[in-house]
PDB file of all heavy atoms in Angstrom:
ATOM      1  N   SER A   1     158.007 123.374 183.717  1.00  0.00           N
ATOM      2  CA  SER A   1     158.378 123.306 182.315  1.00  0.00           C
ATOM      3  C   SER A   1     158.489 121.870 181.818  1.00  0.00           C
ATOM      4  O   SER A   1     159.129 121.610 180.813  1.00  0.00           O
ATOM      5  CB  SER A   1     159.708 124.020 182.094  1.00  0.00           C
ATOM      6  OG  SER A   1     160.716 123.449 182.898  1.00  0.00           O
ATOM      7  N   VAL A   2     157.859 120.951 182.499  1.00  0.00           N
ATOM      8  CA  VAL A   2     157.857 119.572 182.051  1.00  0.00           C
ATOM      9  C   VAL A   2     157.289 119.507 180.633  1.00  0.00           C
ATOM     10  O   VAL A   2     156.286 120.142 180.315  1.00  0.00           O
ATOM     11  CB  VAL A   2     157.018 118.697 183.013  1.00  0.00           C
ATOM     12  CG1 VAL A   2     156.762 117.335 182.408  1.00  0.00           C
ATOM     13  CG2 VAL A   2     157.738 118.550 184.340  1.00  0.00           C
ATOM     14  N   PHE A   3     157.960 118.730 179.797  1.00  0.00           N
ATOM     15  CA  PHE A   3     157.590 118.545 178.393  1.00  0.00           C
ATOM     16  C   PHE A   3     157.650 119.849 177.601  1.00  0.00           C
ATOM     17  O   PHE A   3     156.930 120.044 176.650  1.00  0.00           O
ATOM     18  CB  PHE A   3     156.193 117.916 178.255  1.00  0.00           C
ATOM     19  CG  PHE A   3     156.061 116.630 179.012  1.00  0.00           C
ATOM     20  CD1 PHE A   3     154.981 116.404 179.839  1.00  0.00           C
ATOM     21  CD2 PHE A   3     157.038 115.659 178.926  1.00  0.00           C
ATOM     22  CE1 PHE A   3     154.876 115.222 180.554  1.00  0.00           C
ATOM     23  CE2 PHE A   3     156.937 114.475 179.637  1.00  0.00           C
ATOM     24  CZ  PHE A   3     155.850 114.260 180.451  1.00  0.00           C
ATOM     25  N   CYS A   4     158.541 120.738 178.011  1.00  0.00           N
ATOM     26  CA  CYS A   4     158.756 121.983 177.273  1.00  0.00           C
ATOM     27  C   CYS A   4     160.244 122.118 177.001  1.00  0.00           C
ATOM     28  O   CYS A   4     161.016 122.374 177.915  1.00  0.00           O
ATOM     29  CB  CYS A   4     158.249 123.186 178.061  1.00  0.00           C
ATOM     30  SG  CYS A   4     158.549 124.749 177.236  1.00  0.00           S
ATOM     31  N   VAL A   5     160.675 121.898 175.757  1.00  0.00           N
ATOM     32  CA  VAL A   5     162.079 121.913 175.409  1.00  0.00           C
ATOM     33  C   VAL A   5     162.343 123.054 174.447  1.00  0.00           C
ATOM     34  O   VAL A   5     161.640 123.227 173.458  1.00  0.00           O
ATOM     35  CB  VAL A   5     162.493 120.580 174.736  1.00  0.00           C
ATOM     36  CG1 VAL A   5     163.998 120.535 174.546  1.00  0.00           C
ATOM     37  CG2 VAL A   5     162.036 119.409 175.580  1.00  0.00           C
ATOM     38  N   THR A   6     163.348 123.865 174.730  1.00  0.00           N
ATOM     39  CA  THR A   6     163.655 124.969 173.834  1.00  0.00           C
ATOM     40  C   THR A   6     164.275 124.433 172.555  1.00  0.00           C
ATOM     41  O   THR A   6     165.020 123.456 172.553  1.00  0.00           O
ATOM     42  CB  THR A   6     164.650 125.938 174.502  1.00  0.00           C
ATOM     43  OG1 THR A   6     165.802 125.201 174.905  1.00  0.00           O
ATOM     44  CG2 THR A   6     164.023 126.579 175.722  1.00  0.00           C
ATOM     45  N   SER A   7     163.996 125.069 171.446  1.00  0.00           N
ATOM     46  CA  SER A   7     164.408 124.561 170.144  1.00  0.00           C
ATOM     47  C   SER A   7     165.913 124.567 169.955  1.00  0.00           C
ATOM     48  O   SER A   7     166.447 123.814 169.148  1.00  0.00           O
ATOM     49  CB  SER A   7     163.764 125.399 169.034  1.00  0.00           C
ATOM     50  OG  SER A   7     164.139 126.755 169.156  1.00  0.00           O
ATOM     51  N   ASP A   8     166.651 125.400 170.729  1.00  0.00           N
ATOM     52  CA  ASP A   8     168.093 125.448 170.546  1.00  0.00           C
ATOM     53  C   ASP A   8     168.818 124.356 171.317  1.00  0.00           C
ATOM     54  O   ASP A   8     170.033 124.288 171.310  1.00  0.00           O
ATOM     55  CB  ASP A   8     168.648 126.822 170.943  1.00  0.00           C
ATOM     56  CG  ASP A   8     168.410 127.150 172.413  1.00  0.00           C
ATOM     57  OD1 ASP A   8     167.804 126.316 173.113  1.00  0.00           O
ATOM     58  OD2 ASP A   8     168.840 128.240 172.840  1.00  0.00           O
ATOM     59  N   SER A   9     168.071 123.478 171.989  1.00  0.00           N
ATOM     60  CA  SER A   9     168.693 122.392 172.730  1.00  0.00           C
ATOM     61  C   SER A   9     169.286 121.339 171.809  1.00  0.00           C
ATOM     62  O   SER A   9     170.144 120.571 172.201  1.00  0.00           O
ATOM     63  CB  SER A   9     167.680 121.713 173.658  1.00  0.00           C
ATOM     64  OG  SER A   9     166.746 120.994 172.877  1.00  0.00           O
ATOM     65  N   GLY A  10     168.832 121.293 170.562  1.00  0.00           N
ATOM     66  CA  GLY A  10     169.306 120.275 169.637  1.00  0.00           C
ATOM     67  C   GLY A  10     168.519 118.987 169.738  1.00  0.00           C
ATOM     68  O   GLY A  10     168.713 118.072 168.943  1.00  0.00           O
ATOM     69  N   TYR A  11     167.629 118.884 170.701  1.00  0.00           N
ATOM     70  CA  TYR A  11     166.862 117.657 170.901  1.00  0.00           C
ATOM     71  C   TYR A  11     165.369 117.971 171.001  1.00  0.00           C
ATOM     72  O   TYR A  11     164.628 117.325 171.722  1.00  0.00           O
ATOM     73  CB  TYR A  11     167.357 116.910 172.147  1.00  0.00           C
ATOM     74  CG  TYR A  11     168.794 116.509 172.002  1.00  0.00           C
ATOM     75  CD1 TYR A  11     169.798 117.249 172.608  1.00  0.00           C
ATOM     76  CD2 TYR A  11     169.158 115.438 171.203  1.00  0.00           C
ATOM     77  CE1 TYR A  11     171.135 116.918 172.434  1.00  0.00           C
ATOM     78  CE2 TYR A  11     170.483 115.092 171.017  1.00  0.00           C
ATOM     79  CZ  TYR A  11     171.465 115.832 171.634  1.00  0.00           C
ATOM     80  OH  TYR A  11     172.778 115.500 171.457  1.00  0.00           O
ATOM     81  N   TYR A  12     164.949 118.976 170.265  1.00  0.00           N
ATOM     82  CA  TYR A  12     163.524 119.309 170.244  1.00  0.00           C
ATOM     83  C   TYR A  12     162.750 118.092 169.738  1.00  0.00           C
ATOM     84  O   TYR A  12     163.073 117.517 168.715  1.00  0.00           O
ATOM     85  CB  TYR A  12     163.274 120.505 169.327  1.00  0.00           C
ATOM     86  CG  TYR A  12     161.840 120.972 169.357  1.00  0.00           C
ATOM     87  CD1 TYR A  12     161.372 121.708 170.436  1.00  0.00           C
ATOM     88  CD2 TYR A  12     160.968 120.663 168.310  1.00  0.00           C
ATOM     89  CE1 TYR A  12     160.065 122.142 170.477  1.00  0.00           C
ATOM     90  CE2 TYR A  12     159.649 121.088 168.350  1.00  0.00           C
ATOM     91  CZ  TYR A  12     159.204 121.833 169.437  1.00  0.00           C
ATOM     92  OH  TYR A  12     157.902 122.247 169.485  1.00  0.00           O
ATOM     93  N   GLY A  13     161.791 117.694 170.440  1.00  0.00           N
ATOM     94  CA  GLY A  13     161.018 116.518 170.074  1.00  0.00           C
ATOM     95  C   GLY A  13     161.205 115.366 171.030  1.00  0.00           C
ATOM     96  O   GLY A  13     160.370 114.456 171.072  1.00  0.00           O
ATOM     97  N   TYR A  14     162.296 115.385 171.804  1.00  0.00           N
ATOM     98  CA  TYR A  14     162.499 114.299 172.757  1.00  0.00           C
ATOM     99  C   TYR A  14     161.359 114.247 173.753  1.00  0.00           C
ATOM    100  O   TYR A  14     160.843 113.169 174.073  1.00  0.00           O
ATOM    101  CB  TYR A  14     163.831 114.471 173.498  1.00  0.00           C
ATOM    102  CG  TYR A  14     164.171 113.300 174.409  1.00  0.00           C
ATOM    103  CD1 TYR A  14     165.027 112.296 173.987  1.00  0.00           C
ATOM    104  CD2 TYR A  14     163.625 113.191 175.688  1.00  0.00           C
ATOM    105  CE1 TYR A  14     165.341 111.217 174.809  1.00  0.00           C
ATOM    106  CE2 TYR A  14     163.917 112.125 176.518  1.00  0.00           C
ATOM    107  CZ  TYR A  14     164.785 111.140 176.075  1.00  0.00           C
ATOM    108  OH  TYR A  14     165.068 110.065 176.894  1.00  0.00           O
ATOM    109  N   SER A  15     160.959 115.404 174.258  1.00  0.00           N
ATOM    110  CA  SER A  15     159.886 115.419 175.250  1.00  0.00           C
ATOM    111  C   SER A  15     158.583 114.910 174.672  1.00  0.00           C
ATOM    112  O   SER A  15     157.812 114.225 175.347  1.00  0.00           O
ATOM    113  CB  SER A  15     159.709 116.826 175.821  1.00  0.00           C
ATOM    114  OG  SER A  15     159.400 117.732 174.784  1.00  0.00           O
ATOM    115  N   GLN A  16     158.329 115.275 173.391  1.00  0.00           N
ATOM    116  CA  GLN A  16     157.110 114.775 172.743  1.00  0.00           C
ATOM    117  C   GLN A  16     157.173 113.254 172.586  1.00  0.00           C
ATOM    118  O   GLN A  16     156.177 112.549 172.782  1.00  0.00           O
ATOM    119  CB  GLN A  16     156.931 115.447 171.381  1.00  0.00           C
ATOM    120  CG  GLN A  16     156.444 116.889 171.450  1.00  0.00           C
ATOM    121  CD  GLN A  16     157.543 117.874 171.800  1.00  0.00           C
ATOM    122  OE1 GLN A  16     158.716 117.516 171.868  1.00  0.00           O
ATOM    123  NE2 GLN A  16     157.156 119.120 172.057  1.00  0.00           N
ATOM    124  N   CYS A  17     158.363 112.769 172.239  1.00  0.00           N
ATOM    125  CA  CYS A  17     158.556 111.318 172.136  1.00  0.00           C
ATOM    126  C   CYS A  17     158.282 110.656 173.478  1.00  0.00           C
ATOM    127  O   CYS A  17     157.541 109.669 173.569  1.00  0.00           O
ATOM    128  CB  CYS A  17     159.986 111.014 171.675  1.00  0.00           C
ATOM    129  SG  CYS A  17     160.416 109.252 171.659  1.00  0.00           S
ATOM    130  N   PHE A  18     158.856 111.234 174.534  1.00  0.00           N
ATOM    131  CA  PHE A  18     158.700 110.648 175.865  1.00  0.00           C
ATOM    132  C   PHE A  18     157.241 110.657 176.301  1.00  0.00           C
ATOM    133  O   PHE A  18     156.710 109.651 176.789  1.00  0.00           O
ATOM    134  CB  PHE A  18     159.564 111.415 176.863  1.00  0.00           C
ATOM    135  CG  PHE A  18     159.598 110.806 178.242  1.00  0.00           C
ATOM    136  CD1 PHE A  18     160.402 109.718 178.517  1.00  0.00           C
ATOM    137  CD2 PHE A  18     158.806 111.314 179.264  1.00  0.00           C
ATOM    138  CE1 PHE A  18     160.434 109.158 179.778  1.00  0.00           C
ATOM    139  CE2 PHE A  18     158.826 110.762 180.529  1.00  0.00           C
ATOM    140  CZ  PHE A  18     159.645 109.673 180.785  1.00  0.00           C
ATOM    141  N   SER A  19     156.573 111.781 176.106  1.00  0.00           N
ATOM    142  CA  SER A  19     155.182 111.891 176.558  1.00  0.00           C
ATOM    143  C   SER A  19     154.268 110.960 175.778  1.00  0.00           C
ATOM    144  O   SER A  19     153.225 110.531 176.291  1.00  0.00           O
ATOM    145  CB  SER A  19     154.689 113.337 176.444  1.00  0.00           C
ATOM    146  OG  SER A  19     154.717 113.776 175.104  1.00  0.00           O
ATOM    147  N   SER A  20     154.639 110.623 174.530  1.00  0.00           N
ATOM    148  CA  SER A  20     153.790 109.745 173.721  1.00  0.00           C
ATOM    149  C   SER A  20     153.706 108.329 174.282  1.00  0.00           C
ATOM    150  O   SER A  20     152.792 107.576 173.951  1.00  0.00           O
ATOM    151  CB  SER A  20     154.311 109.698 172.279  1.00  0.00           C
ATOM    152  OG  SER A  20     155.539 108.982 172.204  1.00  0.00           O
ATOM    153  N   TYR A  21     154.680 107.970 175.130  1.00  0.00           N
ATOM    154  CA  TYR A  21     154.691 106.636 175.721  1.00  0.00           C
ATOM    155  C   TYR A  21     153.887 106.567 177.021  1.00  0.00           C
ATOM    156  O   TYR A  21     153.674 105.476 177.559  1.00  0.00           O
ATOM    157  CB  TYR A  21     156.132 106.199 176.022  1.00  0.00           C
ATOM    158  CG  TYR A  21     156.897 105.721 174.818  1.00  0.00           C
ATOM    159  CD1 TYR A  21     157.618 106.612 174.039  1.00  0.00           C
ATOM    160  CD2 TYR A  21     156.910 104.374 174.456  1.00  0.00           C
ATOM    161  CE1 TYR A  21     158.336 106.189 172.933  1.00  0.00           C
ATOM    162  CE2 TYR A  21     157.621 103.942 173.350  1.00  0.00           C
ATOM    163  CZ  TYR A  21     158.333 104.850 172.586  1.00  0.00           C
ATOM    164  OH  TYR A  21     159.032 104.426 171.492  1.00  0.00           O
ATOM    165  N   LEU A  22     153.483 107.728 177.527  1.00  0.00           N
ATOM    166  CA  LEU A  22     152.831 107.742 178.832  1.00  0.00           C
ATOM    167  C   LEU A  22     151.328 107.551 178.706  1.00  0.00           C
ATOM    168  O   LEU A  22     150.713 107.967 177.731  1.00  0.00           O
ATOM    169  CB  LEU A  22     153.134 109.063 179.548  1.00  0.00           C
ATOM    170  CG  LEU A  22     154.612 109.411 179.690  1.00  0.00           C
ATOM    171  CD1 LEU A  22     154.767 110.714 180.455  1.00  0.00           C
ATOM    172  CD2 LEU A  22     155.384 108.287 180.389  1.00  0.00           C
ATOM    173  N   HIS A  23     150.763 106.946 179.714  1.00  0.00           N
ATOM    174  CA  HIS A  23     149.324 106.675 179.736  1.00  0.00           C
ATOM    175  C   HIS A  23     148.755 107.226 181.038  1.00  0.00           C
ATOM    176  O   HIS A  23     148.839 106.576 182.087  1.00  0.00           O
ATOM    177  CB  HIS A  23     149.066 105.169 179.628  1.00  0.00           C
ATOM    178  CG  HIS A  23     149.704 104.541 178.431  1.00  0.00           C
ATOM    179  ND1 HIS A  23     149.198 104.669 177.161  1.00  0.00           N
ATOM    180  CD2 HIS A  23     150.843 103.805 178.312  1.00  0.00           C
ATOM    181  CE1 HIS A  23     149.969 104.021 176.305  1.00  0.00           C
ATOM    182  NE2 HIS A  23     150.980 103.488 176.984  1.00  0.00           N
ATOM    183  N   PRO A  24     148.179 108.418 180.992  1.00  0.00           N
ATOM    184  CA  PRO A  24     147.687 109.080 182.215  1.00  0.00           C
ATOM    185  C   PRO A  24     146.678 108.260 183.008  1.00  0.00           C
ATOM    186  O   PRO A  24     146.517 108.462 184.208  1.00  0.00           O
ATOM    187  CB  PRO A  24     147.043 110.363 181.674  1.00  0.00           C
ATOM    188  CG  PRO A  24     147.718 110.594 180.358  1.00  0.00           C
ATOM    189  CD  PRO A  24     147.983 109.247 179.791  1.00  0.00           C
ATOM    190  N   SER A  25     146.008 107.334 182.338  1.00  0.00           N
ATOM    191  CA  SER A  25     144.987 106.544 183.029  1.00  0.00           C
ATOM    192  C   SER A  25     145.579 105.433 183.889  1.00  0.00           C
ATOM    193  O   SER A  25     144.870 104.797 184.669  1.00  0.00           O
ATOM    194  CB  SER A  25     144.030 105.927 182.004  1.00  0.00           C
ATOM    195  OG  SER A  25     144.741 105.051 181.129  1.00  0.00           O
ATOM    196  N   LYS A  26     146.871 105.190 183.754  1.00  0.00           N
ATOM    197  CA  LYS A  26     147.494 104.119 184.523  1.00  0.00           C
ATOM    198  C   LYS A  26     147.485 104.450 186.020  1.00  0.00           C
ATOM    199  O   LYS A  26     147.601 105.619 186.404  1.00  0.00           O
ATOM    200  CB  LYS A  26     148.932 103.892 184.057  1.00  0.00           C
ATOM    201  CG  LYS A  26     149.059 103.370 182.616  1.00  0.00           C
ATOM    202  CD  LYS A  26     148.524 101.962 182.486  1.00  0.00           C
ATOM    203  CE  LYS A  26     148.751 101.429 181.082  1.00  0.00           C
ATOM    204  NZ  LYS A  26     148.238 100.050 180.929  1.00  0.00           N
ATOM    205  N   PRO A  27     147.396 103.414 186.887  1.00  0.00           N
ATOM    206  CA  PRO A  27     147.270 103.649 188.341  1.00  0.00           C
ATOM    207  C   PRO A  27     148.600 103.931 189.043  1.00  0.00           C
ATOM    208  O   PRO A  27     148.897 103.354 190.079  1.00  0.00           O
ATOM    209  CB  PRO A  27     146.657 102.333 188.825  1.00  0.00           C
ATOM    210  CG  PRO A  27     147.196 101.308 187.892  1.00  0.00           C
ATOM    211  CD  PRO A  27     147.278 101.984 186.545  1.00  0.00           C
ATOM    212  N   PHE A  28     149.421 104.797 188.468  1.00  0.00           N
ATOM    213  CA  PHE A  28     150.650 105.211 189.136  1.00  0.00           C
ATOM    214  C   PHE A  28     150.962 106.623 188.668  1.00  0.00           C
ATOM    215  O   PHE A  28     150.497 107.058 187.604  1.00  0.00           O
ATOM    216  CB  PHE A  28     151.813 104.250 188.839  1.00  0.00           C
ATOM    217  CG  PHE A  28     151.930 103.822 187.406  1.00  0.00           C
ATOM    218  CD1 PHE A  28     152.484 104.662 186.435  1.00  0.00           C
ATOM    219  CD2 PHE A  28     151.481 102.563 187.001  1.00  0.00           C
ATOM    220  CE1 PHE A  28     152.588 104.270 185.117  1.00  0.00           C
ATOM    221  CE2 PHE A  28     151.574 102.163 185.679  1.00  0.00           C
ATOM    222  CZ  PHE A  28     152.132 103.013 184.731  1.00  0.00           C
ATOM    223  N   PRO A  29     151.713 107.376 189.450  1.00  0.00           N
ATOM    224  CA  PRO A  29     151.987 108.783 189.108  1.00  0.00           C
ATOM    225  C   PRO A  29     152.756 108.914 187.795  1.00  0.00           C
ATOM    226  O   PRO A  29     153.467 108.002 187.374  1.00  0.00           O
ATOM    227  CB  PRO A  29     152.825 109.283 190.286  1.00  0.00           C
ATOM    228  CG  PRO A  29     152.618 108.288 191.370  1.00  0.00           C
ATOM    229  CD  PRO A  29     152.351 106.979 190.708  1.00  0.00           C
ATOM    230  N   SER A  30     152.624 110.063 187.171  1.00  0.00           N
ATOM    231  CA  SER A  30     153.433 110.365 185.995  1.00  0.00           C
ATOM    232  C   SER A  30     154.871 110.603 186.440  1.00  0.00           C
ATOM    233  O   SER A  30     155.129 111.029 187.566  1.00  0.00           O
ATOM    234  CB  SER A  30     152.888 111.611 185.292  1.00  0.00           C
ATOM    235  OG  SER A  30     151.589 111.375 184.789  1.00  0.00           O
ATOM    236  N   PRO A  31     155.832 110.357 185.556  1.00  0.00           N
ATOM    237  CA  PRO A  31     157.224 110.585 185.933  1.00  0.00           C
ATOM    238  C   PRO A  31     157.531 112.068 186.027  1.00  0.00           C
ATOM    239  O   PRO A  31     156.815 112.905 185.466  1.00  0.00           O
ATOM    240  CB  PRO A  31     157.994 109.955 184.766  1.00  0.00           C
ATOM    241  CG  PRO A  31     157.063 110.118 183.597  1.00  0.00           C
ATOM    242  CD  PRO A  31     155.689 109.900 184.163  1.00  0.00           C
ATOM    243  N   VAL A  32     158.576 112.393 186.744  1.00  0.00           N
ATOM    244  CA  VAL A  32     159.110 113.755 186.705  1.00  0.00           C
ATOM    245  C   VAL A  32     160.062 113.823 185.517  1.00  0.00           C
ATOM    246  O   VAL A  32     160.985 113.008 185.402  1.00  0.00           O
ATOM    247  CB  VAL A  32     159.844 114.095 188.011  1.00  0.00           C
ATOM    248  CG1 VAL A  32     160.495 115.475 187.909  1.00  0.00           C
ATOM    249  CG2 VAL A  32     158.888 114.041 189.194  1.00  0.00           C
ATOM    250  N   PHE A  33     159.838 114.767 184.625  1.00  0.00           N
ATOM    251  CA  PHE A  33     160.668 114.942 183.434  1.00  0.00           C
ATOM    252  C   PHE A  33     161.175 116.371 183.440  1.00  0.00           C
ATOM    253  O   PHE A  33     160.405 117.321 183.380  1.00  0.00           O
ATOM    254  CB  PHE A  33     159.838 114.656 182.175  1.00  0.00           C
ATOM    255  CG  PHE A  33     160.611 114.777 180.899  1.00  0.00           C
ATOM    256  CD1 PHE A  33     161.158 113.657 180.291  1.00  0.00           C
ATOM    257  CD2 PHE A  33     160.798 116.008 180.288  1.00  0.00           C
ATOM    258  CE1 PHE A  33     161.867 113.762 179.105  1.00  0.00           C
ATOM    259  CE2 PHE A  33     161.506 116.126 179.107  1.00  0.00           C
ATOM    260  CZ  PHE A  33     162.052 115.003 178.513  1.00  0.00           C
ATOM    261  N   LEU A  34     162.489 116.547 183.525  1.00  0.00           N
ATOM    262  CA  LEU A  34     163.074 117.868 183.686  1.00  0.00           C
ATOM    263  C   LEU A  34     164.023 118.196 182.534  1.00  0.00           C
ATOM    264  O   LEU A  34     164.886 117.392 182.181  1.00  0.00           O
ATOM    265  CB  LEU A  34     163.845 117.947 185.004  1.00  0.00           C
ATOM    266  CG  LEU A  34     163.039 117.648 186.277  1.00  0.00           C
ATOM    267  CD1 LEU A  34     163.970 117.552 187.477  1.00  0.00           C
ATOM    268  CD2 LEU A  34     161.982 118.708 186.506  1.00  0.00           C
ATOM    269  N   THR A  35     163.852 119.381 181.980  1.00  0.00           N
ATOM    270  CA  THR A  35     164.782 119.905 180.996  1.00  0.00           C
ATOM    271  C   THR A  35     165.751 120.850 181.694  1.00  0.00           C
ATOM    272  O   THR A  35     165.563 121.201 182.866  1.00  0.00           O
ATOM    273  CB  THR A  35     164.036 120.672 179.893  1.00  0.00           C
ATOM    274  OG1 THR A  35     163.598 121.926 180.426  1.00  0.00           O
ATOM    275  CG2 THR A  35     162.822 119.884 179.403  1.00  0.00           C
ATOM    276  N   LYS A  36     166.755 121.300 180.972  1.00  0.00           N
ATOM    277  CA  LYS A  36     167.704 122.241 181.553  1.00  0.00           C
ATOM    278  C   LYS A  36     167.043 123.575 181.909  1.00  0.00           C
ATOM    279  O   LYS A  36     167.584 124.349 182.696  1.00  0.00           O
ATOM    280  CB  LYS A  36     168.870 122.475 180.594  1.00  0.00           C
ATOM    281  CG  LYS A  36     169.807 121.280 180.484  1.00  0.00           C
ATOM    282  CD  LYS A  36     170.974 121.571 179.544  1.00  0.00           C
ATOM    283  CE  LYS A  36     171.940 120.405 179.505  1.00  0.00           C
ATOM    284  NZ  LYS A  36     173.072 120.639 178.569  1.00  0.00           N
ATOM    285  N   ASP A  37     165.870 123.830 181.323  1.00  0.00           N
ATOM    286  CA  ASP A  37     165.140 125.055 181.626  1.00  0.00           C
ATOM    287  C   ASP A  37     164.280 124.931 182.882  1.00  0.00           C
ATOM    288  O   ASP A  37     163.769 125.932 183.386  1.00  0.00           O
ATOM    289  CB  ASP A  37     164.208 125.423 180.461  1.00  0.00           C
ATOM    290  CG  ASP A  37     164.972 125.597 179.154  1.00  0.00           C
ATOM    291  OD1 ASP A  37     166.138 126.011 179.217  1.00  0.00           O
ATOM    292  OD2 ASP A  37     164.411 125.300 178.090  1.00  0.00           O
ATOM    293  N   SER A  38     164.087 123.714 183.360  1.00  0.00           N
ATOM    294  CA  SER A  38     163.178 123.491 184.480  1.00  0.00           C
ATOM    295  C   SER A  38     163.731 124.071 185.772  1.00  0.00           C
ATOM    296  O   SER A  38     164.935 123.977 186.056  1.00  0.00           O
ATOM    297  CB  SER A  38     162.920 121.998 184.671  1.00  0.00           C
ATOM    298  OG  SER A  38     162.416 121.409 183.491  1.00  0.00           O
ATOM    299  N   HIS A  39     162.856 124.665 186.583  1.00  0.00           N
ATOM    300  CA  HIS A  39     163.272 125.255 187.854  1.00  0.00           C
ATOM    301  C   HIS A  39     163.876 124.201 188.787  1.00  0.00           C
ATOM    302  O   HIS A  39     164.770 124.510 189.579  1.00  0.00           O
ATOM    303  CB  HIS A  39     162.086 125.931 188.546  1.00  0.00           C
ATOM    304  CG  HIS A  39     161.514 127.081 187.771  1.00  0.00           C
ATOM    305  ND1 HIS A  39     162.263 128.182 187.422  1.00  0.00           N
ATOM    306  CD2 HIS A  39     160.263 127.289 187.273  1.00  0.00           C
ATOM    307  CE1 HIS A  39     161.498 129.033 186.744  1.00  0.00           C
ATOM    308  NE2 HIS A  39     160.286 128.511 186.639  1.00  0.00           N
TER     309      HIS A  39
END
């Protein structure tokens, strides 16, 4: 459920903000990003 935030969290959009800063082409792994819904 990375980058999947339920709307009742009060912070819908944080994950989109965070993902907008990431660059998949960079030579290092993507971060682990966990919401309260994540397993």
